């Protein structure tokens, strides 16, 4: 069973971690929020839109079997990231009907 408070905390931790990583490096880095079966929801930094601006933060739904991104969205605030996260969870649930038994421990 999903715990909304736990996932809000995981999204907030990932957002802060990626924002911290992004400020210290020009390379893209990602933080796993949760893995669900073959899919993983992760957050990463992208290049800034304008030189000298802060890097953009993105949330991505990644399929490990296909080795490709299924969906991604830019997140400007933690609330944006939480909404995107919930949408990605719904996509995975709609595609395989399972969540709890296939979710691995999130890794940061």
N, C-alpha and C. Protein backbone atom coordinates (compact mmCIF):
# COMPACT_ATOMS: atom_id res chain seq x y z
N UNK A 1 0.84 -1.19 0.00
CA UNK A 1 0.00 0.00 0.00
C UNK A 1 0.88 1.24 0.00
N UNK A 2 0.51 2.20 -0.79
CA UNK A 2 1.28 3.44 -0.89
C UNK A 2 1.03 4.34 0.31
N UNK A 3 2.09 5.00 0.73
CA UNK A 3 2.02 5.93 1.84
C UNK A 3 2.29 7.32 1.29
N UNK A 4 1.26 8.17 1.13
CA UNK A 4 1.45 9.49 0.52
C UNK A 4 2.48 10.36 1.25
N UNK A 5 2.50 10.29 2.57
CA UNK A 5 3.45 11.10 3.33
C UNK A 5 4.88 10.67 3.03
N UNK A 6 5.11 9.37 2.97
CA UNK A 6 6.44 8.84 2.65
C UNK A 6 6.89 9.32 1.27
N UNK A 7 6.01 9.25 0.28
CA UNK A 7 6.39 9.66 -1.07
C UNK A 7 6.59 11.17 -1.19
N UNK A 8 5.82 11.95 -0.45
CA UNK A 8 6.05 13.40 -0.44
C UNK A 8 7.44 13.70 0.12
N UNK A 9 7.81 12.97 1.17
CA UNK A 9 9.14 13.14 1.74
C UNK A 9 10.22 12.73 0.74
N UNK A 10 10.04 11.61 0.05
CA UNK A 10 11.02 11.13 -0.95
C UNK A 10 11.18 12.14 -2.09
N UNK A 11 10.07 12.70 -2.57
CA UNK A 11 10.13 13.69 -3.65
C UNK A 11 10.85 14.94 -3.16
N UNK A 12 10.54 15.39 -1.96
CA UNK A 12 11.21 16.58 -1.41
C UNK A 12 12.71 16.33 -1.23
N UNK A 13 13.08 15.15 -0.73
CA UNK A 13 14.50 14.82 -0.56
C UNK A 13 15.22 14.80 -1.92
N UNK A 14 14.59 14.19 -2.91
CA UNK A 14 15.20 14.13 -4.24
C UNK A 14 15.35 15.52 -4.84
N UNK A 15 14.33 16.34 -4.68
CA UNK A 15 14.35 17.71 -5.21
C UNK A 15 15.52 18.49 -4.61
N UNK A 16 15.67 18.40 -3.30
CA UNK A 16 16.76 19.12 -2.61
C UNK A 16 18.12 18.54 -3.01
N UNK A 17 18.22 17.22 -3.08
CA UNK A 17 19.49 16.58 -3.45
C UNK A 17 19.92 16.97 -4.85
N UNK A 18 18.99 16.93 -5.80
CA UNK A 18 19.34 17.26 -7.19
C UNK A 18 19.66 18.75 -7.31
N UNK A 19 18.91 19.59 -6.61
CA UNK A 19 19.20 21.03 -6.66
C UNK A 19 20.59 21.29 -6.11
N UNK A 20 20.98 20.57 -5.06
CA UNK A 20 22.32 20.74 -4.48
C UNK A 20 23.40 20.24 -5.43
N UNK A 21 23.17 19.07 -6.05
CA UNK A 21 24.12 18.52 -7.02
C UNK A 21 24.25 19.45 -8.22
N UNK A 22 23.14 19.99 -8.67
CA UNK A 22 23.13 20.81 -9.88
C UNK A 22 23.96 22.08 -9.72
N UNK A 23 23.97 22.65 -8.54
CA UNK A 23 24.71 23.89 -8.33
C UNK A 23 26.22 23.68 -8.35
N UNK A 24 26.66 22.48 -8.03
CA UNK A 24 28.09 22.22 -7.95
C UNK A 24 28.70 21.60 -9.19
N UNK A 25 27.89 21.37 -10.23
CA UNK A 25 28.42 20.66 -11.39
C UNK A 25 27.63 21.03 -12.63
N UNK A 26 28.30 20.97 -13.78
CA UNK A 26 27.60 21.22 -15.03
C UNK A 26 27.05 19.93 -15.63
N UNK A 27 27.43 18.78 -15.08
CA UNK A 27 26.97 17.49 -15.59
C UNK A 27 25.58 17.16 -15.04
N UNK A 28 24.80 16.45 -15.85
CA UNK A 28 23.50 15.99 -15.37
C UNK A 28 23.70 14.85 -14.38
N UNK A 29 22.95 14.88 -13.31
CA UNK A 29 22.99 13.82 -12.30
C UNK A 29 21.55 13.51 -11.94
N UNK A 30 21.31 12.26 -11.54
CA UNK A 30 19.95 11.92 -11.15
C UNK A 30 19.91 11.27 -9.78
N UNK A 31 18.72 11.36 -9.17
CA UNK A 31 18.45 10.74 -7.89
C UNK A 31 17.19 9.90 -8.07
N UNK A 32 17.26 8.64 -7.67
CA UNK A 32 16.10 7.75 -7.75
C UNK A 32 15.11 8.12 -6.65
N UNK A 33 13.84 8.28 -7.04
CA UNK A 33 12.79 8.52 -6.05
C UNK A 33 12.19 7.19 -5.63
N UNK A 34 11.84 6.35 -6.61
CA UNK A 34 11.29 5.03 -6.32
C UNK A 34 11.40 4.16 -7.57
N UNK A 35 11.58 2.88 -7.35
CA UNK A 35 11.57 1.91 -8.45
C UNK A 35 10.34 1.04 -8.29
N UNK A 36 9.63 0.85 -9.40
CA UNK A 36 8.40 0.06 -9.40
C UNK A 36 8.53 -0.97 -10.52
N UNK A 37 8.90 -2.19 -10.14
CA UNK A 37 9.09 -3.22 -11.16
C UNK A 37 10.19 -2.81 -12.12
N UNK A 38 9.85 -2.77 -13.40
CA UNK A 38 10.83 -2.41 -14.43
C UNK A 38 10.98 -0.90 -14.58
N UNK A 39 10.14 -0.13 -13.91
CA UNK A 39 10.17 1.33 -14.06
C UNK A 39 10.79 2.01 -12.84
N UNK A 40 11.36 3.16 -13.10
CA UNK A 40 11.93 3.97 -12.02
C UNK A 40 11.51 5.41 -12.24
N UNK A 41 11.11 6.05 -11.15
CA UNK A 41 10.85 7.48 -11.19
C UNK A 41 12.06 8.14 -10.58
N UNK A 42 12.67 9.05 -11.34
CA UNK A 42 13.88 9.70 -10.85
C UNK A 42 13.86 11.17 -11.20
N UNK A 43 14.67 11.91 -10.47
CA UNK A 43 14.79 13.34 -10.69
C UNK A 43 16.22 13.63 -11.11
N UNK A 44 16.38 14.56 -12.04
CA UNK A 44 17.71 14.91 -12.51
C UNK A 44 17.79 16.38 -12.89
N UNK A 45 19.02 16.85 -13.01
CA UNK A 45 19.23 18.24 -13.42
C UNK A 45 19.53 18.27 -14.91
N UNK A 46 19.04 19.28 -15.54
CA UNK A 46 19.33 19.52 -16.95
C UNK A 46 20.04 20.84 -17.10
N UNK A 47 20.51 21.14 -18.28
CA UNK A 47 21.22 22.41 -18.47
C UNK A 47 20.29 23.61 -18.26
N UNK A 48 20.84 24.72 -17.84
CA UNK A 48 20.00 25.92 -17.66
C UNK A 48 19.47 26.39 -19.00
N UNK A 49 18.29 27.02 -18.98
CA UNK A 49 17.71 27.57 -20.21
C UNK A 49 18.51 28.77 -20.70
N UNK A 50 19.01 29.54 -19.77
CA UNK A 50 19.78 30.74 -20.09
C UNK A 50 21.15 30.60 -19.43
N UNK A 51 22.24 30.84 -20.16
CA UNK A 51 23.57 30.73 -19.54
C UNK A 51 23.65 31.57 -18.26
N UNK A 52 24.20 30.97 -17.21
CA UNK A 52 24.32 31.65 -15.92
C UNK A 52 23.12 31.44 -15.02
N UNK A 53 22.04 30.90 -15.58
CA UNK A 53 20.84 30.61 -14.79
C UNK A 53 21.03 29.28 -14.05
N UNK A 54 20.17 29.00 -13.10
CA UNK A 54 20.23 27.71 -12.38
C UNK A 54 19.82 26.58 -13.33
N UNK A 55 20.40 25.40 -13.16
CA UNK A 55 19.99 24.26 -13.98
C UNK A 55 18.52 23.92 -13.76
N UNK A 56 17.88 23.38 -14.78
CA UNK A 56 16.49 22.96 -14.65
C UNK A 56 16.43 21.61 -13.95
N UNK A 57 15.38 21.41 -13.17
CA UNK A 57 15.17 20.13 -12.50
C UNK A 57 14.05 19.39 -13.24
N UNK A 58 14.27 18.11 -13.49
CA UNK A 58 13.33 17.29 -14.24
C UNK A 58 12.98 16.05 -13.46
N UNK A 59 11.76 15.55 -13.65
CA UNK A 59 11.37 14.25 -13.15
C UNK A 59 11.14 13.38 -14.38
N UNK A 60 11.58 12.11 -14.27
CA UNK A 60 11.53 11.21 -15.41
C UNK A 60 10.96 9.86 -14.99
N UNK A 61 10.16 9.28 -15.86
CA UNK A 61 9.70 7.90 -15.72
C UNK A 61 10.53 7.08 -16.69
N UNK A 62 11.37 6.20 -16.15
CA UNK A 62 12.35 5.46 -16.95
C UNK A 62 12.03 3.97 -16.93
N UNK A 63 12.05 3.35 -18.11
CA UNK A 63 11.81 1.91 -18.26
C UNK A 63 13.16 1.21 -18.38
N UNK A 64 13.52 0.43 -17.36
CA UNK A 64 14.82 -0.25 -17.37
C UNK A 64 14.90 -1.38 -18.38
N UNK A 65 13.78 -2.06 -18.65
CA UNK A 65 13.80 -3.13 -19.66
C UNK A 65 14.07 -2.57 -21.05
N UNK A 66 13.39 -1.49 -21.39
CA UNK A 66 13.56 -0.87 -22.71
C UNK A 66 14.77 0.07 -22.74
N UNK A 67 15.31 0.40 -21.57
CA UNK A 67 16.44 1.33 -21.45
C UNK A 67 16.12 2.68 -22.10
N UNK A 68 14.93 3.19 -21.76
CA UNK A 68 14.52 4.48 -22.33
C UNK A 68 13.55 5.21 -21.41
N UNK A 69 13.51 6.51 -21.59
CA UNK A 69 12.58 7.35 -20.85
C UNK A 69 11.19 7.19 -21.44
N UNK A 70 10.21 7.00 -20.58
CA UNK A 70 8.81 6.90 -21.02
C UNK A 70 8.18 8.29 -21.03
N UNK A 71 8.54 9.10 -20.03
CA UNK A 71 7.95 10.42 -19.89
C UNK A 71 8.86 11.26 -19.02
N UNK A 72 8.82 12.57 -19.17
CA UNK A 72 9.58 13.47 -18.31
C UNK A 72 8.89 14.82 -18.28
N UNK A 73 9.20 15.58 -17.23
CA UNK A 73 8.59 16.89 -17.07
C UNK A 73 9.51 17.76 -16.21
N UNK A 74 9.62 19.02 -16.58
CA UNK A 74 10.40 19.99 -15.82
C UNK A 74 9.63 20.36 -14.56
N UNK A 75 10.35 20.48 -13.44
CA UNK A 75 9.73 20.81 -12.16
C UNK A 75 10.41 22.05 -11.58
N UNK A 76 9.63 23.08 -11.36
CA UNK A 76 10.19 24.32 -10.82
C UNK A 76 10.12 24.38 -9.30
N UNK A 77 9.16 23.66 -8.73
CA UNK A 77 8.97 23.66 -7.28
C UNK A 77 8.65 22.25 -6.81
N UNK A 78 8.77 22.02 -5.52
CA UNK A 78 8.51 20.69 -4.97
C UNK A 78 7.06 20.27 -5.25
N UNK A 79 6.12 21.21 -5.17
CA UNK A 79 4.71 20.86 -5.46
C UNK A 79 4.55 20.39 -6.90
N UNK A 80 5.27 21.03 -7.84
CA UNK A 80 5.25 20.57 -9.23
C UNK A 80 5.75 19.14 -9.32
N UNK A 81 6.86 18.87 -8.65
CA UNK A 81 7.46 17.53 -8.67
C UNK A 81 6.50 16.49 -8.10
N UNK A 82 5.79 16.84 -7.04
CA UNK A 82 4.85 15.89 -6.43
C UNK A 82 3.71 15.57 -7.39
N UNK A 83 3.20 16.57 -8.08
CA UNK A 83 2.13 16.34 -9.05
C UNK A 83 2.60 15.45 -10.19
N UNK A 84 3.80 15.71 -10.67
CA UNK A 84 4.37 14.89 -11.75
C UNK A 84 4.58 13.45 -11.24
N UNK A 85 5.11 13.32 -10.03
CA UNK A 85 5.33 12.00 -9.44
C UNK A 85 4.02 11.20 -9.40
N UNK A 86 2.96 11.82 -8.91
CA UNK A 86 1.67 11.14 -8.82
C UNK A 86 1.17 10.71 -10.20
N UNK A 87 1.38 11.55 -11.21
CA UNK A 87 1.00 11.18 -12.57
C UNK A 87 1.80 10.00 -13.09
N UNK A 88 3.10 9.97 -12.78
CA UNK A 88 3.94 8.85 -13.22
C UNK A 88 3.53 7.55 -12.53
N UNK A 89 3.23 7.62 -11.24
CA UNK A 89 2.77 6.44 -10.51
C UNK A 89 1.49 5.91 -11.17
N UNK A 90 0.59 6.79 -11.53
CA UNK A 90 -0.66 6.38 -12.20
C UNK A 90 -0.37 5.70 -13.53
N UNK A 91 0.61 6.23 -14.28
CA UNK A 91 0.97 5.61 -15.56
C UNK A 91 1.44 4.17 -15.34
N UNK A 92 2.28 3.97 -14.32
CA UNK A 92 2.80 2.63 -14.06
C UNK A 92 1.67 1.72 -13.58
N UNK A 93 0.84 2.21 -12.68
CA UNK A 93 -0.27 1.40 -12.19
C UNK A 93 -1.23 1.03 -13.32
N UNK A 94 -1.49 1.96 -14.23
CA UNK A 94 -2.37 1.68 -15.36
C UNK A 94 -1.77 0.65 -16.30
N UNK A 95 -0.44 0.65 -16.40
CA UNK A 95 0.21 -0.26 -17.34
C UNK A 95 0.35 -1.67 -16.81
N UNK A 96 0.49 -1.84 -15.48
CA UNK A 96 0.65 -3.20 -14.97
C UNK A 96 -0.24 -3.54 -13.78
N UNK A 97 -0.97 -2.56 -13.26
CA UNK A 97 -1.91 -2.83 -12.19
C UNK A 97 -1.30 -3.16 -10.84
N UNK A 98 0.02 -3.06 -10.69
CA UNK A 98 0.67 -3.39 -9.43
C UNK A 98 1.59 -2.24 -9.03
N UNK A 99 1.74 -2.08 -7.72
CA UNK A 99 2.71 -1.11 -7.23
C UNK A 99 3.45 -1.66 -6.03
N UNK A 100 2.74 -1.89 -4.95
CA UNK A 100 3.36 -2.23 -3.67
C UNK A 100 4.29 -3.41 -3.71
N UNK A 101 3.90 -4.52 -4.30
CA UNK A 101 4.73 -5.72 -4.25
C UNK A 101 5.95 -5.62 -5.13
N UNK A 102 5.96 -4.69 -6.09
CA UNK A 102 7.10 -4.58 -6.99
C UNK A 102 7.99 -3.38 -6.69
N UNK A 103 7.61 -2.58 -5.72
CA UNK A 103 8.42 -1.38 -5.42
C UNK A 103 9.64 -1.76 -4.61
N UNK A 104 10.80 -1.40 -5.10
CA UNK A 104 12.03 -1.59 -4.36
C UNK A 104 12.20 -0.45 -3.38
N UNK A 105 13.11 -0.63 -2.43
CA UNK A 105 13.43 0.46 -1.51
C UNK A 105 14.03 1.61 -2.32
N UNK A 106 13.52 2.81 -2.15
CA UNK A 106 14.10 3.95 -2.87
C UNK A 106 15.57 4.14 -2.48
N UNK A 107 16.36 4.51 -3.44
CA UNK A 107 17.78 4.76 -3.19
C UNK A 107 18.10 6.19 -3.54
N UNK A 108 18.85 6.83 -2.69
CA UNK A 108 19.30 8.21 -2.95
C UNK A 108 20.79 8.19 -3.14
